[in-house]
């Protein structure tokens, strides 16, 4: 039985971007580019003839911006959207806003050298399209609708942590929404949290700022040497691996360069393995929604070192890729495979037991 190709539509005001993306997907088996447009008005008109499976969408365009168009699509005809956004200007903040509106993935594009960029990043675009096509939008919308209420105001801010205790989280596609859902359930008494979310360089800073504005706990993009503190979340910056290391009685993060691991930088495996090397007194590893296998092996190694592990279940994952691979490896037991709404209570319980 032949599987129907994934239908792609591209909305970008740059003819070079439209042509480059069309070339990528036209040459890849299993995909069909059904059209492109330089603005959302033209795109909507063209898509009426044949609706796509995945939309690649810029955020800053003439006639109608991508955020307005994304809102319209998700309201009228929910469709997986991959944001292809510039690294410059307001695009970073607008792209992070797009996650809150239902975008499933973000890919960054430079201002210059676009032809070489698309040639070198071909695998990333193919992976993003496949992940988006398989994303469960109902699950994504459910997690978004659960976080519409404003978070309570921050109290005392981050406090000095009990040495050697932490929570490490890894995520990819669908992760920004899942992370926001989890963090809203916490307060300043929670153990230090370190997060590796697959996201391009520069966008992680905007992501951390958005979360810090919304959350009852402090959130920041990690800087080299940041201490792990109770009530604070550190997010790995795009383009750098984040590791935990022991410095005297404290735990701190270090940011390191180096090749991608499992095709990602930052990599969840790098984070999880560093937790083991830092020899914590107590640690919880959590692997959330995402495509691929990054983090699965690291989570298994955490369990083999008698550290607590959780993997998000299939029903609540937007893309059950990374957690599925962890389950297949035996990185969690049956009690550790949890729906997103059960992970928060489990996280809080772990923090209370180890406070």
Foldseek 3Di string as FASTA:
>chain_A
DDDAAFEEEEEALDPVVVVLVQVLQVPDPRYDHPYYYPHLVVVVVSCVVPPGQEYEAEADGPPDGRQVSLLVCCVPPDHAYEYEYELDDPRLLSVLVSLLSQHFYYHYAYPPPRNVVSVVCSVVVVVVSVLSSQFDRVLLVVLSVQQPDFADAADPAWAAAQFQEEEEEEEEGSPLSLVLSQQSLDHQLFWFYEYEYFDAAPSVQSSQVVSCVRGNAHGGAADAFAWGTRRYYYYDGHQWAWAWADDPRTIGIHTHHDDADQNTVHFLLRHLQRSVVNPGPAYEYEYAADADATNLVSLLVCVVVVHHYAYEADVNHRHCHNSVSNVVVVSHDPVRHYHSVVVNVVSVVSRVVVD
